[in-house]
Amino acid sequence: MPSKSKKTKATGRFGARYGRSVRIKTAGIEEKQRKKQKCPYCKKFGVKRLSKGIWHCRKCGKKFASDTYYLEGNK
């Protein structure tokens, strides 16, 4: 019998559904959106995603709209 493959990070919750490539792409996006981003105003790492396209810097207190999943300069 072949051995089971490991579940792909946060997308392991999907099980065998949706296909492998879709789950891998989703895992990459979710990993980027959950880490702290660099603030375009104060240039410090402290920006977190509040919701789709809404970001908040904990250092300088700015709230701004930008890209949906992660800030463009932090690829």
PDB file of N, CA and C in Angstrom:
ATOM      1  N   MET A   1       0.822  -1.183   0.000  1.00  0.00           N
ATOM      2  CA  MET A   1       0.000   0.000   0.000  1.00  0.00           C
ATOM      3  C   MET A   1       0.865   1.246   0.000  1.00  0.00           C
ATOM      4  N   PRO A   2       0.499   2.249  -0.794  1.00  0.00           N
ATOM      5  CA  PRO A   2       1.264   3.492  -0.770  1.00  0.00           C
ATOM      6  C   PRO A   2       1.018   4.244   0.537  1.00  0.00           C
ATOM      7  N   SER A   3       2.020   4.977   0.962  1.00  0.00           N
ATOM      8  CA  SER A   3       1.869   5.728   2.205  1.00  0.00           C
ATOM      9  C   SER A   3       1.050   6.991   1.947  1.00  0.00           C
ATOM     10  N   LYS A   4       0.385   7.466   2.984  1.00  0.00           N
ATOM     11  CA  LYS A   4      -0.402   8.690   2.868  1.00  0.00           C
ATOM     12  C   LYS A   4       0.530   9.886   2.748  1.00  0.00           C
ATOM     13  N   SER A   5       0.132  10.861   1.927  1.00  0.00           N
ATOM     14  CA  SER A   5       0.931  12.078   1.833  1.00  0.00           C
ATOM     15  C   SER A   5       0.530  13.017   2.973  1.00  0.00           C
ATOM     16  N   LYS A   6       1.426  13.916   3.329  1.00  0.00           N
ATOM     17  CA  LYS A   6       1.143  14.866   4.394  1.00  0.00           C
ATOM     18  C   LYS A   6       0.091  15.869   3.935  1.00  0.00           C
ATOM     19  N   LYS A   7      -0.692  16.337   4.858  1.00  0.00           N
ATOM     20  CA  LYS A   7      -1.676  17.368   4.532  1.00  0.00           C
ATOM     21  C   LYS A   7      -0.939  18.686   4.319  1.00  0.00           C
ATOM     22  N   THR A   8      -1.415  19.469   3.419  1.00  0.00           N
ATOM     23  CA  THR A   8      -0.714  20.695   3.059  1.00  0.00           C
ATOM     24  C   THR A   8      -1.061  21.843   3.998  1.00  0.00           C
ATOM     25  N   LYS A   9      -0.270  22.037   5.013  1.00  0.00           N
ATOM     26  CA  LYS A   9      -0.337  23.161   5.941  1.00  0.00           C
ATOM     27  C   LYS A   9      -1.755  23.480   6.382  1.00  0.00           C
ATOM     28  N   ALA A  10      -2.194  24.723   6.221  1.00  0.00           N
ATOM     29  CA  ALA A  10      -3.511  25.146   6.687  1.00  0.00           C
ATOM     30  C   ALA A  10      -4.633  24.584   5.835  1.00  0.00           C
ATOM     31  N   THR A  11      -4.337  24.134   4.627  1.00  0.00           N
ATOM     32  CA  THR A  11      -5.389  23.616   3.760  1.00  0.00           C
ATOM     33  C   THR A  11      -5.638  22.130   3.980  1.00  0.00           C
ATOM     34  N   GLY A  12      -5.034  21.550   4.974  1.00  0.00           N
ATOM     35  CA  GLY A  12      -5.307  20.162   5.316  1.00  0.00           C
ATOM     36  C   GLY A  12      -6.750  19.974   5.753  1.00  0.00           C
ATOM     37  N   ARG A  13      -7.389  21.067   6.140  1.00  0.00           N
ATOM     38  CA  ARG A  13      -8.791  20.998   6.560  1.00  0.00           C
ATOM     39  C   ARG A  13      -9.726  20.637   5.416  1.00  0.00           C
ATOM     40  N   PHE A  14      -9.262  20.782   4.157  1.00  0.00           N
ATOM     41  CA  PHE A  14     -10.092  20.450   3.007  1.00  0.00           C
ATOM     42  C   PHE A  14     -10.079  18.962   2.688  1.00  0.00           C
ATOM     43  N   GLY A  15      -9.140  18.225   3.248  1.00  0.00           N
ATOM     44  CA  GLY A  15      -9.054  16.792   2.994  1.00  0.00           C
ATOM     45  C   GLY A  15      -8.691  16.512   1.541  1.00  0.00           C
ATOM     46  N   ALA A  16      -9.417  15.617   0.898  1.00  0.00           N
ATOM     47  CA  ALA A  16      -9.122  15.242  -0.485  1.00  0.00           C
ATOM     48  C   ALA A  16      -9.904  16.081  -1.493  1.00  0.00           C
ATOM     49  N   ARG A  17     -10.622  17.072  -1.039  1.00  0.00           N
ATOM     50  CA  ARG A  17     -11.464  17.874  -1.924  1.00  0.00           C
ATOM     51  C   ARG A  17     -10.685  18.968  -2.643  1.00  0.00           C
ATOM     52  N   TYR A  18     -11.183  19.428  -3.771  1.00  0.00           N
ATOM     53  CA  TYR A  18     -10.746  20.589  -4.545  1.00  0.00           C
ATOM     54  C   TYR A  18      -9.480  20.385  -5.364  1.00  0.00           C
ATOM     55  N   GLY A  19      -8.735  19.351  -5.199  1.00  0.00           N
ATOM     56  CA  GLY A  19      -7.536  19.110  -5.994  1.00  0.00           C
ATOM     57  C   GLY A  19      -6.274  19.636  -5.334  1.00  0.00           C
ATOM     58  N   ARG A  20      -5.168  19.016  -5.672  1.00  0.00           N
ATOM     59  CA  ARG A  20      -3.891  19.312  -5.022  1.00  0.00           C
ATOM     60  C   ARG A  20      -3.384  20.707  -5.341  1.00  0.00           C
ATOM     61  N   SER A  21      -3.412  21.100  -6.618  1.00  0.00           N
ATOM     62  CA  SER A  21      -2.844  22.393  -6.999  1.00  0.00           C
ATOM     63  C   SER A  21      -3.620  23.558  -6.387  1.00  0.00           C
ATOM     64  N   VAL A  22      -4.929  23.436  -6.295  1.00  0.00           N
ATOM     65  CA  VAL A  22      -5.742  24.494  -5.687  1.00  0.00           C
ATOM     66  C   VAL A  22      -5.413  24.624  -4.204  1.00  0.00           C
ATOM     67  N   ARG A  23      -5.252  23.483  -3.532  1.00  0.00           N
ATOM     68  CA  ARG A  23      -4.932  23.531  -2.103  1.00  0.00           C
ATOM     69  C   ARG A  23      -3.545  24.119  -1.854  1.00  0.00           C
ATOM     70  N   ILE A  24      -2.585  23.838  -2.720  1.00  0.00           N
ATOM     71  CA  ILE A  24      -1.233  24.379  -2.557  1.00  0.00           C
ATOM     72  C   ILE A  24      -1.235  25.895  -2.757  1.00  0.00           C
ATOM     73  N   LYS A  25      -1.958  26.374  -3.775  1.00  0.00           N
ATOM     74  CA  LYS A  25      -2.059  27.818  -4.014  1.00  0.00           C
ATOM     75  C   LYS A  25      -2.735  28.522  -2.846  1.00  0.00           C
ATOM     76  N   THR A  26      -3.788  27.924  -2.326  1.00  0.00           N
ATOM     77  CA  THR A  26      -4.502  28.498  -1.198  1.00  0.00           C
ATOM     78  C   THR A  26      -3.613  28.558   0.038  1.00  0.00           C
ATOM     79  N   ALA A  27      -2.814  27.525   0.262  1.00  0.00           N
ATOM     80  CA  ALA A  27      -1.900  27.510   1.410  1.00  0.00           C
ATOM     81  C   ALA A  27      -0.886  28.649   1.309  1.00  0.00           C
ATOM     82  N   GLY A  28      -0.381  28.910   0.110  1.00  0.00           N
ATOM     83  CA  GLY A  28       0.571  29.998  -0.082  1.00  0.00           C
ATOM     84  C   GLY A  28      -0.034  31.356   0.207  1.00  0.00           C
ATOM     85  N   ILE A  29      -1.243  31.573  -0.265  1.00  0.00           N
ATOM     86  CA  ILE A  29      -1.929  32.853  -0.028  1.00  0.00           C
ATOM     87  C   ILE A  29      -2.222  33.032   1.453  1.00  0.00           C
ATOM     88  N   GLU A  30      -2.726  31.988   2.107  1.00  0.00           N
ATOM     89  CA  GLU A  30      -3.064  32.101   3.526  1.00  0.00           C
ATOM     90  C   GLU A  30      -1.832  32.328   4.387  1.00  0.00           C
ATOM     91  N   GLU A  31      -0.717  31.739   4.018  1.00  0.00           N
ATOM     92  CA  GLU A  31       0.521  31.936   4.768  1.00  0.00           C
ATOM     93  C   GLU A  31       0.971  33.396   4.689  1.00  0.00           C
ATOM     94  N   LYS A  32       0.873  33.998   3.504  1.00  0.00           N
ATOM     95  CA  LYS A  32       1.274  35.392   3.320  1.00  0.00           C
ATOM     96  C   LYS A  32       0.343  36.352   4.037  1.00  0.00           C
ATOM     97  N   GLN A  33      -0.958  36.100   4.011  1.00  0.00           N
ATOM     98  CA  GLN A  33      -1.903  37.060   4.577  1.00  0.00           C
ATOM     99  C   GLN A  33      -1.901  37.060   6.096  1.00  0.00           C
ATOM    100  N   ARG A  34      -1.422  35.994   6.728  1.00  0.00           N
ATOM    101  CA  ARG A  34      -1.463  35.931   8.183  1.00  0.00           C
ATOM    102  C   ARG A  34      -0.204  36.456   8.861  1.00  0.00           C
ATOM    103  N   LYS A  35       0.859  36.683   8.111  1.00  0.00           N
ATOM    104  CA  LYS A  35       2.065  37.201   8.753  1.00  0.00           C
ATOM    105  C   LYS A  35       2.050  38.730   8.767  1.00  0.00           C
ATOM    106  N   LYS A  36       2.857  39.301   9.621  1.00  0.00           N
ATOM    107  CA  LYS A  36       2.929  40.751   9.730  1.00  0.00           C
ATOM    108  C   LYS A  36       3.591  41.329   8.486  1.00  0.00           C
ATOM    109  N   GLN A  37       3.052  42.428   8.035  1.00  0.00           N
ATOM    110  CA  GLN A  37       3.523  43.084   6.827  1.00  0.00           C
ATOM    111  C   GLN A  37       4.226  44.389   7.198  1.00  0.00           C
ATOM    112  N   LYS A  38       4.955  44.948   6.244  1.00  0.00           N
ATOM    113  CA  LYS A  38       5.673  46.202   6.453  1.00  0.00           C
ATOM    114  C   LYS A  38       4.762  47.380   6.132  1.00  0.00           C
ATOM    115  N   CYS A  39       4.672  48.314   7.057  1.00  0.00           N
ATOM    116  CA  CYS A  39       3.814  49.486   6.900  1.00  0.00           C
ATOM    117  C   CYS A  39       4.387  50.427   5.838  1.00  0.00           C
ATOM    118  N   PRO A  40       3.580  50.883   4.877  1.00  0.00           N
ATOM    119  CA  PRO A  40       4.078  51.817   3.869  1.00  0.00           C
ATOM    120  C   PRO A  40       4.311  53.219   4.423  1.00  0.00           C
ATOM    121  N   TYR A  41       3.794  53.519   5.605  1.00  0.00           N
ATOM    122  CA  TYR A  41       3.954  54.848   6.197  1.00  0.00           C
ATOM    123  C   TYR A  41       5.168  54.932   7.122  1.00  0.00           C
ATOM    124  N   CYS A  42       5.260  54.023   8.097  1.00  0.00           N
ATOM    125  CA  CYS A  42       6.354  54.096   9.070  1.00  0.00           C
ATOM    126  C   CYS A  42       7.464  53.085   8.792  1.00  0.00           C
ATOM    127  N   LYS A  43       7.283  52.204   7.805  1.00  0.00           N
ATOM    128  CA  LYS A  43       8.277  51.215   7.366  1.00  0.00           C
ATOM    129  C   LYS A  43       8.649  50.189   8.438  1.00  0.00           C
ATOM    130  N   LYS A  44       7.767  49.955   9.410  1.00  0.00           N
ATOM    131  CA  LYS A  44       8.028  48.952  10.441  1.00  0.00           C
ATOM    132  C   LYS A  44       7.081  47.772  10.249  1.00  0.00           C
ATOM    133  N   PHE A  45       7.504  46.606  10.731  1.00  0.00           N
ATOM    134  CA  PHE A  45       6.658  45.423  10.642  1.00  0.00           C
ATOM    135  C   PHE A  45       5.638  45.457  11.771  1.00  0.00           C
ATOM    136  N   GLY A  46       4.398  45.670  11.429  1.00  0.00           N
ATOM    137  CA  GLY A  46       3.359  45.709  12.440  1.00  0.00           C
ATOM    138  C   GLY A  46       1.988  45.767  11.818  1.00  0.00           C
ATOM    139  N   VAL A  47       1.919  45.678  10.502  1.00  0.00           N
ATOM    140  CA  VAL A  47       0.642  45.758   9.804  1.00  0.00           C
ATOM    141  C   VAL A  47       0.004  44.376   9.768  1.00  0.00           C
ATOM    142  N   LYS A  48      -1.255  44.317  10.152  1.00  0.00           N
ATOM    143  CA  LYS A  48      -2.006  43.069  10.064  1.00  0.00           C
ATOM    144  C   LYS A  48      -3.264  43.320   9.256  1.00  0.00           C
ATOM    145  N   ARG A  49      -3.743  42.255   8.647  1.00  0.00           N
ATOM    146  CA  ARG A  49      -4.940  42.317   7.811  1.00  0.00           C
ATOM    147  C   ARG A  49      -6.175  42.218   8.701  1.00  0.00           C
ATOM    148  N   LEU A  50      -7.077  43.192   8.610  1.00  0.00           N
ATOM    149  CA  LEU A  50      -8.314  43.163   9.375  1.00  0.00           C
ATOM    150  C   LEU A  50      -9.405  42.412   8.617  1.00  0.00           C
ATOM    151  N   SER A  51      -9.543  42.725   7.338  1.00  0.00           N
ATOM    152  CA  SER A  51     -10.493  42.040   6.468  1.00  0.00           C
ATOM    153  C   SER A  51     -10.026  42.247   5.030  1.00  0.00           C
ATOM    154  N   LYS A  52     -10.842  41.887   4.063  1.00  0.00           N
ATOM    155  CA  LYS A  52     -10.440  41.981   2.658  1.00  0.00           C
ATOM    156  C   LYS A  52     -10.021  43.400   2.306  1.00  0.00           C
ATOM    157  N   GLY A  53      -8.729  43.618   2.088  1.00  0.00           N
ATOM    158  CA  GLY A  53      -8.228  44.907   1.651  1.00  0.00           C
ATOM    159  C   GLY A  53      -8.101  45.957   2.728  1.00  0.00           C
ATOM    160  N   ILE A  54      -8.420  45.665   3.975  1.00  0.00           N
ATOM    161  CA  ILE A  54      -8.323  46.632   5.070  1.00  0.00           C
ATOM    162  C   ILE A  54      -7.155  46.222   5.964  1.00  0.00           C
ATOM    163  N   TRP A  55      -6.229  47.145   6.158  1.00  0.00           N
ATOM    164  CA  TRP A  55      -5.007  46.879   6.918  1.00  0.00           C
ATOM    165  C   TRP A  55      -4.881  47.881   8.060  1.00  0.00           C
ATOM    166  N   HIS A  56      -4.214  47.453   9.135  1.00  0.00           N
ATOM    167  CA  HIS A  56      -4.015  48.325  10.296  1.00  0.00           C
ATOM    168  C   HIS A  56      -2.600  48.158  10.813  1.00  0.00           C
ATOM    169  N   CYS A  57      -1.899  49.298  10.976  1.00  0.00           N
ATOM    170  CA  CYS A  57      -0.541  49.287  11.530  1.00  0.00           C
ATOM    171  C   CYS A  57      -0.632  49.483  13.034  1.00  0.00           C
ATOM    172  N   ARG A  58      -0.064  48.558  13.769  1.00  0.00           N
ATOM    173  CA  ARG A  58      -0.094  48.647  15.225  1.00  0.00           C
ATOM    174  C   ARG A  58       0.945  49.622  15.771  1.00  0.00           C
ATOM    175  N   LYS A  59       1.946  49.958  14.970  1.00  0.00           N
ATOM    176  CA  LYS A  59       3.003  50.857  15.432  1.00  0.00           C
ATOM    177  C   LYS A  59       2.575  52.319  15.330  1.00  0.00           C
ATOM    178  N   CYS A  60       2.114  52.728  14.134  1.00  0.00           N
ATOM    179  CA  CYS A  60       1.759  54.140  13.938  1.00  0.00           C
ATOM    180  C   CYS A  60       0.254  54.385  14.007  1.00  0.00           C
ATOM    181  N   GLY A  61      -0.550  53.315  14.055  1.00  0.00           N
ATOM    182  CA  GLY A  61      -1.987  53.460  14.224  1.00  0.00           C
ATOM    183  C   GLY A  61      -2.771  53.756  12.946  1.00  0.00           C
ATOM    184  N   LYS A  62      -2.114  53.747  11.803  1.00  0.00           N
ATOM    185  CA  LYS A  62      -2.805  54.031  10.534  1.00  0.00           C
ATOM    186  C   LYS A  62      -3.665  52.846  10.134  1.00  0.00           C
ATOM    187  N   LYS A  63      -4.830  53.136   9.572  1.00  0.00           N
ATOM    188  CA  LYS A  63      -5.687  52.127   8.971  1.00  0.00           C
ATOM    189  C   LYS A  63      -5.857  52.537   7.517  1.00  0.00           C
ATOM    190  N   PHE A  64      -5.625  51.605   6.598  1.00  0.00           N
ATOM    191  CA  PHE A  64      -5.656  51.960   5.189  1.00  0.00           C
ATOM    192  C   PHE A  64      -6.130  50.794   4.349  1.00  0.00           C
ATOM    193  N   ALA A  65      -6.495  51.116   3.105  1.00  0.00           N
ATOM    194  CA  ALA A  65      -6.931  50.105   2.149  1.00  0.00           C
ATOM    195  C   ALA A  65      -5.790  49.824   1.182  1.00  0.00           C
ATOM    196  N   SER A  66      -5.628  48.565   0.835  1.00  0.00           N
ATOM    197  CA  SER A  66      -4.577  48.179  -0.099  1.00  0.00           C
ATOM    198  C   SER A  66      -4.990  46.856  -0.741  1.00  0.00           C
ATOM    199  N   ASP A  67      -4.020  46.056  -1.117  1.00  0.00           N
ATOM    200  CA  ASP A  67      -4.296  44.784  -1.773  1.00  0.00           C
ATOM    201  C   ASP A  67      -5.082  43.844  -0.859  1.00  0.00           C
ATOM    202  N   THR A  68      -5.735  42.880  -1.458  1.00  0.00           N
ATOM    203  CA  THR A  68      -6.653  42.019  -0.727  1.00  0.00           C
ATOM    204  C   THR A  68      -5.966  41.081   0.254  1.00  0.00           C
ATOM    205  N   TYR A  69      -4.979  40.306  -0.208  1.00  0.00           N
ATOM    206  CA  TYR A  69      -4.409  39.258   0.631  1.00  0.00           C
ATOM    207  C   TYR A  69      -3.094  39.626   1.309  1.00  0.00           C
ATOM    208  N   TYR A  70      -2.233  40.361   0.626  1.00  0.00           N
ATOM    209  CA  TYR A  70      -0.964  40.787   1.224  1.00  0.00           C
ATOM    210  C   TYR A  70      -0.514  42.061   0.539  1.00  0.00           C
ATOM    211  N   LEU A  71       0.285  42.847   1.246  1.00  0.00           N
ATOM    212  CA  LEU A  71       0.744  44.119   0.693  1.00  0.00           C
ATOM    213  C   LEU A  71       1.732  43.857  -0.435  1.00  0.00           C
ATOM    214  N   GLU A  72       1.639  44.624  -1.477  1.00  0.00           N
ATOM    215  CA  GLU A  72       2.379  44.381  -2.720  1.00  0.00           C
ATOM    216  C   GLU A  72       3.888  44.378  -2.536  1.00  0.00           C
ATOM    217  N   GLY A  73       4.433  45.191  -1.661  1.00  0.00           N
ATOM    218  CA  GLY A  73       5.883  45.262  -1.479  1.00  0.00           C
ATOM    219  C   GLY A  73       6.467  44.101  -0.706  1.00  0.00           C
ATOM    220  N   ASN A  74       5.644  43.213  -0.158  1.00  0.00           N
ATOM    221  CA  ASN A  74       6.109  42.123   0.701  1.00  0.00           C
ATOM    222  C   ASN A  74       5.990  40.763   0.057  1.00  0.00           C
ATOM    223  N   LYS A  75       6.134  40.670  -1.232  1.00  0.00           N
ATOM    224  CA  LYS A  75       6.035  39.363  -1.897  1.00  0.00           C
ATOM    225  C   LYS A  75       7.176  38.544  -1.474  1.00  0.00           C
TER     226      LYS A  75
END
